[in-house]
Amino acid sequence: MVVLLNSFPDINMIRQLKNNAARGENEWRNVVLNFSCGQASRLDLESPYSLFLNRTGHSHCKVNRDHYRVETDTYLFSQPGDLYGLTIDNLHKTEICNIHICKRFFEGVAHSLTHTHAAQLDAPDDMATNARFVTQLYRKDEALNAILDRLIAPGTYKEGLFEPVLMQLVEHLLLQNEDVRKSISKLPFVKAAVRSDIYRRLALAKDIIHSGYTGPLDLDSICRETGMSKFHFLRLFKVQYRLTPHQYLTEVRMQKGLQMLEHSGESISAIAAHLGYEYPNSFIKAFRKTYDISPLQYRKSEISNFG
C-alpha cells in the first residue's frame, strides 16, 4: 500500500506509526512526499529505507552525525538504524520528492533478486538482506529520473502501478549499491573493514566538496572532517576517483555552470560568483578549458537550438 502526501505528515502521527511498528501491530507504509515548500524542519527521526530528492531547489539533510546538501542532481539514501533530519530554508521554494519504503517491501524485493526461486519457496519469509548501503550523496542518472517521473505520475496511482514501479526503484538502488561495493573492493587494502572505512571517509570528502562548491577548497578542513592526513587523503582520493580534489571541485562547478547557463538568466559574472570564483575570468577560462567554448557562446548556442 502507498500513501501519496502533498505536505509533511504530523510529527505525532509519525511517532505513533513508529511505536506501532515496534510492537508489531503495524508497519511503515510506502510513502511518497511530493510538494513544494520554502521552509520545513524534521529532526532526528528513525529511518525506514528512505530517499531524499529535490526536483527543484535544494535541502539540507542529516543522517546520523553527517550533514549533506541535496540538490537536483543528487539524492541521499538512509536505511533502518539511521536517524535522519531534513531542513528546507530557501527564498525560492524547493520541490521535494522524498520516498520512504517499508522494510518488508524493500527487503522482499532484495530477496527476490538475490535468491533462487527454489530458495524463496523453501523460506518465503526469510527476507533479510545484507545490502547495507554506504551513506553518501548519490548522483542521479537518466534511469533513476525516468523511474521517479513514473512514480509520481497521477496515472501510476489510478491504475495501481505504483508497486511495480517502486520495485524498479529498489532494483536500481541495489544495482547502484553493488557498483559501490565493487568500487570499495578496488581500494589498495587487504582487510575488507579497512577498505569500507576508507571508502566512507573518501565519499564524505567528495560530498563535502560537492556541497561546498560555492566556496574555496579547504583541504585542511576536509582532512579534519574525514580524520585523514593530507598526504593519505590526496593519494587515496586520486586512486578512488581518478581526479584530484581540486579537479573534482572544478568538475562540479562546470556541471553547475552548465545548468545555470541553460536555465537561469543570470549574468556570467553572477554565475561565476555563485560557483565560488572570485573573478569572472577564472570561470570563463575554466569553462573554455573544459568544454572548448566560452560560457556566453554556450548560452547563445542553447538559445539558438531551442529556437
C-alpha atoms as a PDB file:
ATOM      1  CA  MET A   1       0.000   0.000   0.000  1.00  0.00           C
ATOM      2  CA  VAL A   2       1.205   3.526  -0.724  1.00  0.00           C
ATOM      3  CA  VAL A   3       0.399   6.932   0.672  1.00  0.00           C
ATOM      4  CA  LEU A   4       0.997  10.000  -1.515  1.00  0.00           C
ATOM      5  CA  LEU A   5       1.294  13.181   0.562  1.00  0.00           C
ATOM      6  CA  ASN A   6       1.313  16.806  -0.544  1.00  0.00           C
ATOM      7  CA  SER A   7       2.566  18.088   2.820  1.00  0.00           C
ATOM      8  CA  PHE A   8       4.686  16.820   5.679  1.00  0.00           C
ATOM      9  CA  PRO A   9       2.766  14.428   7.941  1.00  0.00           C
ATOM     10  CA  ASP A  10       2.114  15.432  11.525  1.00  0.00           C
ATOM     11  CA  ILE A  11       5.080  14.524  13.702  1.00  0.00           C
ATOM     12  CA  ASN A  12       2.826  12.847  16.294  1.00  0.00           C
ATOM     13  CA  MET A  13       1.389  10.574  13.589  1.00  0.00           C
ATOM     14  CA  ILE A  14       4.933   9.551  12.611  1.00  0.00           C
ATOM     15  CA  ARG A  15       5.791   8.699  16.209  1.00  0.00           C
ATOM     16  CA  GLN A  16       2.603   6.674  16.592  1.00  0.00           C
ATOM     17  CA  LEU A  17       3.379   4.686  13.437  1.00  0.00           C
ATOM     18  CA  LYS A  18       6.900   4.043  14.738  1.00  0.00           C
ATOM     19  CA  ASN A  19       5.576   2.812  18.094  1.00  0.00           C
ATOM     20  CA  ASN A  20       3.026   0.564  16.409  1.00  0.00           C
ATOM     21  CA  ALA A  21       5.706  -0.898  14.157  1.00  0.00           C
ATOM     22  CA  ALA A  22       7.963  -1.552  17.137  1.00  0.00           C
ATOM     23  CA  ARG A  23       5.150  -3.539  18.811  1.00  0.00           C
ATOM     24  CA  GLY A  24       4.497  -5.499  15.620  1.00  0.00           C
ATOM     25  CA  GLU A  25       0.998  -4.050  15.299  1.00  0.00           C
ATOM     26  CA  ASN A  26       1.641  -2.354  12.029  1.00  0.00           C
ATOM     27  CA  GLU A  27       4.482  -1.434   9.721  1.00  0.00           C
ATOM     28  CA  TRP A  28       5.554   1.697   7.956  1.00  0.00           C
ATOM     29  CA  ARG A  29       3.676   2.128   4.709  1.00  0.00           C
ATOM     30  CA  ASN A  30       5.348   3.102   1.477  1.00  0.00           C
ATOM     31  CA  VAL A  31       5.118   6.894   1.453  1.00  0.00           C
ATOM     32  CA  VAL A  32       5.872   9.429  -1.285  1.00  0.00           C
ATOM     33  CA  LEU A  33       6.056  13.110  -0.381  1.00  0.00           C
ATOM     34  CA  ASN A  34       5.922  15.348  -3.443  1.00  0.00           C
ATOM     35  CA  PHE A  35       5.224  19.046  -2.963  1.00  0.00           C
ATOM     36  CA  SER A  36       6.889  22.465  -2.861  1.00  0.00           C
ATOM     37  CA  CYS A  37       7.775  24.363   0.283  1.00  0.00           C
ATOM     38  CA  GLY A  38      10.087  27.158   1.362  1.00  0.00           C
ATOM     39  CA  GLN A  39      10.625  26.255   4.999  1.00  0.00           C
ATOM     40  CA  ALA A  40      10.404  22.963   6.862  1.00  0.00           C
ATOM     41  CA  SER A  41      12.265  21.044   9.509  1.00  0.00           C
ATOM     42  CA  ARG A  42      12.263  17.424  10.655  1.00  0.00           C
ATOM     43  CA  LEU A  43      14.936  16.356  13.138  1.00  0.00           C
ATOM     44  CA  ASP A  44      16.213  13.009  14.422  1.00  0.00           C
ATOM     45  CA  LEU A  45      13.560  10.668  13.068  1.00  0.00           C
ATOM     46  CA  GLU A  46      14.158   6.936  12.816  1.00  0.00           C
ATOM     47  CA  SER A  47      14.524   5.951   9.192  1.00  0.00           C
ATOM     48  CA  PRO A  48      12.945   3.228   7.094  1.00  0.00           C
ATOM     49  CA  TYR A  49      14.577   2.868   3.650  1.00  0.00           C
ATOM     50  CA  SER A  50      14.379   6.486   2.512  1.00  0.00           C
ATOM     51  CA  LEU A  51      15.408   8.607  -0.454  1.00  0.00           C
ATOM     52  CA  PHE A  52      15.717  12.364  -0.144  1.00  0.00           C
ATOM     53  CA  LEU A  53      15.475  14.106  -3.524  1.00  0.00           C
ATOM     54  CA  ASN A  54      14.626  17.516  -4.913  1.00  0.00           C
ATOM     55  CA  ARG A  55      13.142  18.254  -8.312  1.00  0.00           C
ATOM     56  CA  THR A  56      13.879  21.949  -7.849  1.00  0.00           C
ATOM     57  CA  GLY A  57      15.916  23.841  -5.268  1.00  0.00           C
ATOM     58  CA  HIS A  58      17.920  22.207  -2.511  1.00  0.00           C
ATOM     59  CA  SER A  59      17.583  20.884   1.020  1.00  0.00           C
ATOM     60  CA  HIS A  60      19.885  20.115   3.918  1.00  0.00           C
ATOM     61  CA  CYS A  61      19.810  16.580   5.282  1.00  0.00           C
ATOM     62  CA  LYS A  62      21.448  14.959   8.255  1.00  0.00           C
ATOM     63  CA  VAL A  63      21.976  11.213   8.583  1.00  0.00           C
ATOM     64  CA  ASN A  64      23.317  10.278  11.987  1.00  0.00           C
ATOM     65  CA  ARG A  65      26.186  12.756  12.550  1.00  0.00           C
ATOM     66  CA  ASP A  66      26.876  13.761   8.938  1.00  0.00           C
ATOM     67  CA  HIS A  67      25.336  16.702   7.078  1.00  0.00           C
ATOM     68  CA  TYR A  68      24.588  16.881   3.351  1.00  0.00           C
ATOM     69  CA  ARG A  69      23.291  19.466   0.890  1.00  0.00           C
ATOM     70  CA  VAL A  70      20.961  17.691  -1.538  1.00  0.00           C
ATOM     71  CA  GLU A  71      20.462  19.416  -4.886  1.00  0.00           C
ATOM     72  CA  THR A  72      18.575  18.478  -8.034  1.00  0.00           C
ATOM     73  CA  ASP A  73      21.337  16.232  -9.389  1.00  0.00           C
ATOM     74  CA  THR A  74      21.922  14.182  -6.233  1.00  0.00           C
ATOM     75  CA  TYR A  75      19.993  12.159  -3.711  1.00  0.00           C
ATOM     76  CA  LEU A  76      20.661  10.867  -0.227  1.00  0.00           C
ATOM     77  CA  PHE A  77      19.749   7.403   0.991  1.00  0.00           C
ATOM     78  CA  SER A  78      19.142   6.364   4.600  1.00  0.00           C
ATOM     79  CA  GLN A  79      18.180   2.979   5.980  1.00  0.00           C
ATOM     80  CA  PRO A  80      16.831   1.265   9.105  1.00  0.00           C
ATOM     81  CA  GLY A  81      19.041   2.047  12.073  1.00  0.00           C
ATOM     82  CA  ASP A  82      19.753   5.598  10.886  1.00  0.00           C
ATOM     83  CA  LEU A  83      18.471   8.827  12.369  1.00  0.00           C
ATOM     84  CA  TYR A  84      17.677  11.447   9.760  1.00  0.00           C
ATOM     85  CA  GLY A  85      16.815  15.110   9.713  1.00  0.00           C
ATOM     86  CA  LEU A  86      15.646  17.402   6.929  1.00  0.00           C
ATOM     87  CA  THR A  87      15.742  21.193   6.754  1.00  0.00           C
ATOM     88  CA  ILE A  88      14.464  23.468   3.991  1.00  0.00           C
ATOM     89  CA  ASP A  89      15.041  27.188   4.378  1.00  0.00           C
ATOM     90  CA  ASN A  90      15.077  28.791   0.946  1.00  0.00           C
ATOM     91  CA  LEU A  91      13.986  32.068  -0.554  1.00  0.00           C
ATOM     92  CA  HIS A  92      12.574  30.132  -3.507  1.00  0.00           C
ATOM     93  CA  LYS A  93      10.526  27.012  -2.854  1.00  0.00           C
ATOM     94  CA  THR A  94      12.056  23.563  -3.117  1.00  0.00           C
ATOM     95  CA  GLU A  95      10.029  20.794  -4.754  1.00  0.00           C
ATOM     96  CA  ILE A  96      10.861  17.721  -2.749  1.00  0.00           C
ATOM     97  CA  CYS A  97      10.235  14.125  -3.740  1.00  0.00           C
ATOM     98  CA  ASN A  98      11.057  12.077  -0.652  1.00  0.00           C
ATOM     99  CA  ILE A  99      10.313   8.358  -0.786  1.00  0.00           C
ATOM    100  CA  HIS A 100      10.029   6.152   2.287  1.00  0.00           C
ATOM    101  CA  ILE A 101       9.936   2.417   1.603  1.00  0.00           C
ATOM    102  CA  CYS A 102       8.821  -0.004   4.277  1.00  0.00           C
ATOM    103  CA  LYS A 103      11.372  -2.558   5.406  1.00  0.00           C
ATOM    104  CA  ARG A 104       9.370  -5.629   4.396  1.00  0.00           C
ATOM    105  CA  PHE A 105       8.777  -4.357   0.848  1.00  0.00           C
ATOM    106  CA  PHE A 106      12.399  -3.285   0.282  1.00  0.00           C
ATOM    107  CA  GLU A 107      13.909  -6.460   1.658  1.00  0.00           C
ATOM    108  CA  GLY A 108      11.348  -8.584  -0.138  1.00  0.00           C
ATOM    109  CA  VAL A 109      12.466  -7.128  -3.466  1.00  0.00           C
ATOM    110  CA  ALA A 110      16.116  -7.575  -2.478  1.00  0.00           C
ATOM    111  CA  HIS A 111      15.465 -11.196  -1.531  1.00  0.00           C
ATOM    112  CA  SER A 112      13.720 -11.931  -4.832  1.00  0.00           C
ATOM    113  CA  LEU A 113      16.691 -10.555  -6.769  1.00  0.00           C
ATOM    114  CA  THR A 114      19.405 -12.338  -4.811  1.00  0.00           C
ATOM    115  CA  HIS A 115      17.850 -15.767  -4.119  1.00  0.00           C
ATOM    116  CA  THR A 116      16.891 -18.579  -6.432  1.00  0.00           C
ATOM    117  CA  HIS A 117      13.248 -19.486  -6.978  1.00  0.00           C
ATOM    118  CA  ALA A 118      13.748 -22.727  -5.013  1.00  0.00           C
ATOM    119  CA  ALA A 119      15.232 -20.845  -2.052  1.00  0.00           C
ATOM    120  CA  GLN A 120      12.255 -18.485  -1.999  1.00  0.00           C
ATOM    121  CA  LEU A 121       9.856 -21.440  -1.900  1.00  0.00           C
ATOM    122  CA  ASP A 122      11.839 -23.047   0.936  1.00  0.00           C
ATOM    123  CA  ALA A 123      11.910 -19.900   3.064  1.00  0.00           C
ATOM    124  CA  PRO A 124       9.433 -17.322   1.758  1.00  0.00           C
ATOM    125  CA  ASP A 125       9.577 -15.262   4.957  1.00  0.00           C
ATOM    126  CA  ASP A 126      13.375 -15.138   5.120  1.00  0.00           C
ATOM    127  CA  MET A 127      13.762 -11.733   3.522  1.00  0.00           C
ATOM    128  CA  ALA A 128      16.756 -10.362   5.378  1.00  0.00           C
ATOM    129  CA  THR A 129      19.198  -8.544   3.151  1.00  0.00           C
ATOM    130  CA  ASN A 130      22.874  -7.808   3.572  1.00  0.00           C
ATOM    131  CA  ALA A 131      22.585  -4.823   1.235  1.00  0.00           C
ATOM    132  CA  ARG A 132      23.869  -2.248   3.729  1.00  0.00           C
ATOM    133  CA  PHE A 133      24.288   0.973   1.821  1.00  0.00           C
ATOM    134  CA  VAL A 134      27.105   3.447   2.148  1.00  0.00           C
ATOM    135  CA  THR A 135      25.698   6.754   3.347  1.00  0.00           C
ATOM    136  CA  GLN A 136      26.736   9.322   0.762  1.00  0.00           C
ATOM    137  CA  LEU A 137      25.339  11.617  -1.897  1.00  0.00           C
ATOM    138  CA  TYR A 138      24.475   9.522  -4.937  1.00  0.00           C
ATOM    139  CA  ARG A 139      24.309  11.003  -8.403  1.00  0.00           C
ATOM    140  CA  LYS A 140      21.030  10.827 -10.275  1.00  0.00           C
ATOM    141  CA  ASP A 141      21.097   9.259 -13.723  1.00  0.00           C
ATOM    142  CA  GLU A 142      18.599   9.087 -16.571  1.00  0.00           C
ATOM    143  CA  ALA A 143      17.260   5.715 -15.458  1.00  0.00           C
ATOM    144  CA  LEU A 144      16.522   6.979 -11.947  1.00  0.00           C
ATOM    145  CA  ASN A 145      14.886  10.157 -13.247  1.00  0.00           C
ATOM    146  CA  ALA A 146      12.637   8.097 -15.524  1.00  0.00           C
ATOM    147  CA  ILE A 147      11.561   5.907 -12.595  1.00  0.00           C
ATOM    148  CA  LEU A 148      10.847   8.979 -10.461  1.00  0.00           C
ATOM    149  CA  ASP A 149       8.746  10.533 -13.224  1.00  0.00           C
ATOM    150  CA  ARG A 150       6.641   7.370 -13.410  1.00  0.00           C
ATOM    151  CA  LEU A 151       6.450   7.110  -9.631  1.00  0.00           C
ATOM    152  CA  ILE A 152       4.778  10.490  -9.144  1.00  0.00           C
ATOM    153  CA  ALA A 153       2.676  10.440 -12.318  1.00  0.00           C
ATOM    154  CA  PRO A 154      -1.077  10.545 -11.445  1.00  0.00           C
ATOM    155  CA  GLY A 155      -1.784   7.566 -13.684  1.00  0.00           C
ATOM    156  CA  THR A 156       0.590   5.389 -11.651  1.00  0.00           C
ATOM    157  CA  TYR A 157      -1.770   5.566  -8.673  1.00  0.00           C
ATOM    158  CA  LYS A 158      -5.019   5.466 -10.581  1.00  0.00           C
ATOM    159  CA  GLU A 159      -4.003   2.339 -12.471  1.00  0.00           C
ATOM    160  CA  GLY A 160      -2.473   0.528  -9.492  1.00  0.00           C
ATOM    161  CA  LEU A 161       1.014   0.548 -10.997  1.00  0.00           C
ATOM    162  CA  PHE A 162       2.817   2.009  -8.013  1.00  0.00           C
ATOM    163  CA  GLU A 163       4.293  -1.166  -6.541  1.00  0.00           C
ATOM    164  CA  PRO A 164       5.780  -2.425  -9.863  1.00  0.00           C
ATOM    165  CA  VAL A 165       7.437   0.975 -10.369  1.00  0.00           C
ATOM    166  CA  LEU A 166       8.615   1.024  -6.747  1.00  0.00           C
ATOM    167  CA  MET A 167      10.149  -2.421  -7.324  1.00  0.00           C
ATOM    168  CA  GLN A 168      12.084  -0.958 -10.260  1.00  0.00           C
ATOM    169  CA  LEU A 169      13.359   1.786  -7.950  1.00  0.00           C
ATOM    170  CA  VAL A 170      14.536  -0.710  -5.328  1.00  0.00           C
ATOM    171  CA  GLU A 171      16.255  -2.790  -8.022  1.00  0.00           C
ATOM    172  CA  HIS A 172      18.001   0.345  -9.323  1.00  0.00           C
ATOM    173  CA  LEU A 173      19.209   1.197  -5.815  1.00  0.00           C
ATOM    174  CA  LEU A 174      20.518  -2.322  -5.257  1.00  0.00           C
ATOM    175  CA  LEU A 175      22.416  -2.272  -8.548  1.00  0.00           C
ATOM    176  CA  GLN A 176      23.930   1.089  -7.669  1.00  0.00           C
ATOM    177  CA  ASN A 177      24.920  -0.279  -4.273  1.00  0.00           C
ATOM    178  CA  GLU A 178      26.617  -3.214  -5.993  1.00  0.00           C
ATOM    179  CA  ASP A 179      28.641  -0.751  -8.062  1.00  0.00           C
ATOM    180  CA  VAL A 180      29.729   0.966  -4.842  1.00  0.00           C
ATOM    181  CA  ARG A 181      30.786  -2.362  -3.345  1.00  0.00           C
ATOM    182  CA  LYS A 182      32.861  -3.117  -6.432  1.00  0.00           C
ATOM    183  CA  SER A 183      34.470   0.282  -6.127  1.00  0.00           C
ATOM    184  CA  ILE A 184      35.308  -0.379  -2.474  1.00  0.00           C
ATOM    185  CA  SER A 185      36.922  -3.701  -3.371  1.00  0.00           C
ATOM    186  CA  LYS A 186      39.416  -1.914  -5.627  1.00  0.00           C
ATOM    187  CA  LEU A 187      40.945   0.125  -2.815  1.00  0.00           C
ATOM    188  CA  PRO A 188      44.545  -0.996  -2.065  1.00  0.00           C
ATOM    189  CA  PHE A 189      43.951  -2.521   1.356  1.00  0.00           C
ATOM    190  CA  VAL A 190      43.868  -6.162   2.376  1.00  0.00           C
ATOM    191  CA  LYS A 191      41.178  -6.069   5.046  1.00  0.00           C
ATOM    192  CA  ALA A 192      37.604  -5.507   3.876  1.00  0.00           C
ATOM    193  CA  ALA A 193      36.781  -3.496   7.011  1.00  0.00           C
ATOM    194  CA  VAL A 194      39.631  -1.083   6.251  1.00  0.00           C
ATOM    195  CA  ARG A 195      38.514  -0.700   2.624  1.00  0.00           C
ATOM    196  CA  SER A 196      34.956   0.090   3.715  1.00  0.00           C
ATOM    197  CA  ASP A 197      36.132   2.619   6.284  1.00  0.00           C
ATOM    198  CA  ILE A 198      38.443   4.392   3.825  1.00  0.00           C
ATOM    199  CA  TYR A 199      35.717   4.474   1.166  1.00  0.00           C
ATOM    200  CA  ARG A 200      33.293   6.012   3.678  1.00  0.00           C
ATOM    201  CA  ARG A 201      35.831   8.728   4.504  1.00  0.00           C
ATOM    202  CA  LEU A 202      36.563   9.444   0.843  1.00  0.00           C
ATOM    203  CA  ALA A 203      32.857   9.544  -0.006  1.00  0.00           C
ATOM    204  CA  LEU A 204      32.337  12.033   2.823  1.00  0.00           C
ATOM    205  CA  ALA A 205      35.156  14.189   1.426  1.00  0.00           C
ATOM    206  CA  LYS A 206      33.606  14.078  -2.040  1.00  0.00           C
ATOM    207  CA  ASP A 207      30.238  15.080  -0.609  1.00  0.00           C
ATOM    208  CA  ILE A 208      31.819  17.980   1.317  1.00  0.00           C
ATOM    209  CA  ILE A 209      33.304  19.238  -1.951  1.00  0.00           C
ATOM    210  CA  HIS A 210      30.020  18.756  -3.793  1.00  0.00           C
ATOM    211  CA  SER A 211      28.052  20.563  -1.092  1.00  0.00           C
ATOM    212  CA  GLY A 212      30.593  23.379  -0.713  1.00  0.00           C
ATOM    213  CA  TYR A 213      31.417  24.124  -4.344  1.00  0.00           C
ATOM    214  CA  THR A 214      30.363  27.764  -3.890  1.00  0.00           C
ATOM    215  CA  GLY A 215      33.413  28.421  -1.729  1.00  0.00           C
ATOM    216  CA  PRO A 216      37.157  27.736  -1.839  1.00  0.00           C
ATOM    217  CA  LEU A 217      38.553  24.235  -1.439  1.00  0.00           C
ATOM    218  CA  ASP A 218      39.705  23.865   2.182  1.00  0.00           C
ATOM    219  CA  LEU A 219      41.843  20.719   2.308  1.00  0.00           C
ATOM    220  CA  ASP A 220      42.703  21.137   5.980  1.00  0.00           C
ATOM    221  CA  SER A 221      39.030  21.289   6.933  1.00  0.00           C
ATOM    222  CA  ILE A 222      38.177  18.253   4.777  1.00  0.00           C
ATOM    223  CA  CYS A 223      41.007  16.239   6.320  1.00  0.00           C
ATOM    224  CA  ARG A 224      39.787  17.135   9.814  1.00  0.00           C
ATOM    225  CA  GLU A 225      36.227  16.110   8.899  1.00  0.00           C
ATOM    226  CA  THR A 226      37.349  12.776   7.467  1.00  0.00           C
ATOM    227  CA  GLY A 227      40.070  12.058  10.027  1.00  0.00           C
ATOM    228  CA  MET A 228      42.741  11.546   7.373  1.00  0.00           C
ATOM    229  CA  SER A 229      46.191  13.021   6.944  1.00  0.00           C
ATOM    230  CA  LYS A 230      46.562  15.321   3.971  1.00  0.00           C
ATOM    231  CA  PHE A 231      49.088  13.016   2.274  1.00  0.00           C
ATOM    232  CA  HIS A 232      46.887   9.916   2.511  1.00  0.00           C
ATOM    233  CA  PHE A 233      43.753  11.849   1.593  1.00  0.00           C
ATOM    234  CA  LEU A 234      45.243  13.301  -1.595  1.00  0.00           C
ATOM    235  CA  ARG A 235      46.746   9.973  -2.663  1.00  0.00           C
ATOM    236  CA  LEU A 236      43.674   7.838  -1.988  1.00  0.00           C
ATOM    237  CA  PHE A 237      41.197  10.365  -3.401  1.00  0.00           C
ATOM    238  CA  LYS A 238      43.084  10.258  -6.709  1.00  0.00           C
ATOM    239  CA  VAL A 239      43.199   6.439  -6.596  1.00  0.00           C
ATOM    240  CA  GLN A 240      39.466   6.146  -5.959  1.00  0.00           C
ATOM    241  CA  TYR A 241      38.043   8.880  -8.180  1.00  0.00           C
ATOM    242  CA  ARG A 242      40.841   9.360 -10.747  1.00  0.00           C
ATOM    243  CA  LEU A 243      40.715  13.085 -10.044  1.00  0.00           C
ATOM    244  CA  THR A 244      42.428  15.311  -7.532  1.00  0.00           C
ATOM    245  CA  PRO A 245      40.119  17.115  -5.083  1.00  0.00           C
ATOM    246  CA  HIS A 246      40.680  20.356  -6.987  1.00  0.00           C
ATOM    247  CA  GLN A 247      39.853  18.672 -10.303  1.00  0.00           C
ATOM    248  CA  TYR A 248      36.686  17.229  -8.762  1.00  0.00           C
ATOM    249  CA  LEU A 249      35.696  20.687  -7.466  1.00  0.00           C
ATOM    250  CA  THR A 250      36.178  22.108 -10.959  1.00  0.00           C
ATOM    251  CA  GLU A 251      34.075  19.297 -12.459  1.00  0.00           C
ATOM    252  CA  VAL A 252      31.225  20.020 -10.046  1.00  0.00           C
ATOM    253  CA  ARG A 253      31.431  23.744 -10.756  1.00  0.00           C
ATOM    254  CA  MET A 254      31.374  23.190 -14.504  1.00  0.00           C
ATOM    255  CA  GLN A 255      28.316  20.953 -14.282  1.00  0.00           C
ATOM    256  CA  LYS A 256      26.529  23.537 -12.142  1.00  0.00           C
ATOM    257  CA  GLY A 257      27.640  26.250 -14.551  1.00  0.00           C
ATOM    258  CA  LEU A 258      26.057  24.409 -17.471  1.00  0.00           C
ATOM    259  CA  GLN A 259      22.780  24.134 -15.606  1.00  0.00           C
ATOM    260  CA  MET A 260      22.761  27.827 -14.710  1.00  0.00           C
ATOM    261  CA  LEU A 261      23.617  28.895 -18.244  1.00  0.00           C
ATOM    262  CA  GLU A 262      20.765  26.787 -19.588  1.00  0.00           C
ATOM    263  CA  HIS A 263      18.089  27.509 -17.003  1.00  0.00           C
ATOM    264  CA  SER A 264      18.817  30.896 -15.429  1.00  0.00           C
ATOM    265  CA  GLY A 265      19.035  34.360 -16.859  1.00  0.00           C
ATOM    266  CA  GLU A 266      21.830  35.425 -14.544  1.00  0.00           C
ATOM    267  CA  SER A 267      24.865  37.197 -15.954  1.00  0.00           C
ATOM    268  CA  ILE A 268      28.172  35.397 -16.460  1.00  0.00           C
ATOM    269  CA  SER A 269      29.621  37.419 -13.578  1.00  0.00           C
ATOM    270  CA  ALA A 270      26.772  36.391 -11.257  1.00  0.00           C
ATOM    271  CA  ILE A 271      27.145  32.725 -12.219  1.00  0.00           C
ATOM    272  CA  ALA A 272      30.898  32.899 -11.632  1.00  0.00           C
ATOM    273  CA  ALA A 273      30.345  34.372  -8.169  1.00  0.00           C
ATOM    274  CA  HIS A 274      27.733  31.715  -7.331  1.00  0.00           C
ATOM    275  CA  LEU A 275      30.200  28.999  -8.304  1.00  0.00           C
ATOM    276  CA  GLY A 276      32.846  30.357  -5.970  1.00  0.00           C
ATOM    277  CA  TYR A 277      35.070  32.153  -8.464  1.00  0.00           C
ATOM    278  CA  GLU A 278      36.483  35.449  -7.220  1.00  0.00           C
ATOM    279  CA  TYR A 279      36.894  36.749 -10.768  1.00  0.00           C
ATOM    280  CA  PRO A 280      34.600  36.053 -13.761  1.00  0.00           C
ATOM    281  CA  ASN A 281      37.630  35.460 -15.998  1.00  0.00           C
ATOM    282  CA  SER A 282      38.625  32.482 -13.832  1.00  0.00           C
ATOM    283  CA  PHE A 283      35.254  30.859 -14.520  1.00  0.00           C
ATOM    284  CA  ILE A 284      35.405  31.706 -18.234  1.00  0.00           C
ATOM    285  CA  LYS A 285      38.903  30.217 -18.517  1.00  0.00           C
ATOM    286  CA  ALA A 286      37.937  27.010 -16.679  1.00  0.00           C
ATOM    287  CA  PHE A 287      34.730  26.644 -18.724  1.00  0.00           C
ATOM    288  CA  ARG A 288      36.548  27.095 -22.029  1.00  0.00           C
ATOM    289  CA  LYS A 289      39.242  24.605 -20.981  1.00  0.00           C
ATOM    290  CA  THR A 290      36.566  22.032 -20.089  1.00  0.00           C
ATOM    291  CA  TYR A 291      34.111  22.473 -22.981  1.00  0.00           C
ATOM    292  CA  ASP A 292      36.200  24.263 -25.631  1.00  0.00           C
ATOM    293  CA  ILE A 293      33.640  27.063 -25.786  1.00  0.00           C
ATOM    294  CA  SER A 294      33.045  30.203 -23.743  1.00  0.00           C
ATOM    295  CA  PRO A 295      30.065  30.427 -21.352  1.00  0.00           C
ATOM    296  CA  LEU A 296      28.497  33.180 -23.438  1.00  0.00           C
ATOM    297  CA  GLN A 297      28.894  31.195 -26.670  1.00  0.00           C
ATOM    298  CA  TYR A 298      27.397  28.139 -24.973  1.00  0.00           C
ATOM    299  CA  ARG A 299      24.379  30.134 -23.780  1.00  0.00           C
ATOM    300  CA  LYS A 300      23.838  31.584 -27.253  1.00  0.00           C
ATOM    301  CA  SER A 301      24.060  28.127 -28.828  1.00  0.00           C
ATOM    302  CA  GLU A 302      21.483  26.746 -26.379  1.00  0.00           C
ATOM    303  CA  ILE A 303      19.116  29.611 -27.151  1.00  0.00           C
ATOM    304  CA  SER A 304      19.631  29.045 -30.870  1.00  0.00           C
ATOM    305  CA  ASN A 305      18.988  25.298 -30.566  1.00  0.00           C
ATOM    306  CA  PHE A 306      15.864  25.896 -28.507  1.00  0.00           C
ATOM    307  CA  GLY A 307      14.576  28.372 -31.071  1.00  0.00           C
END
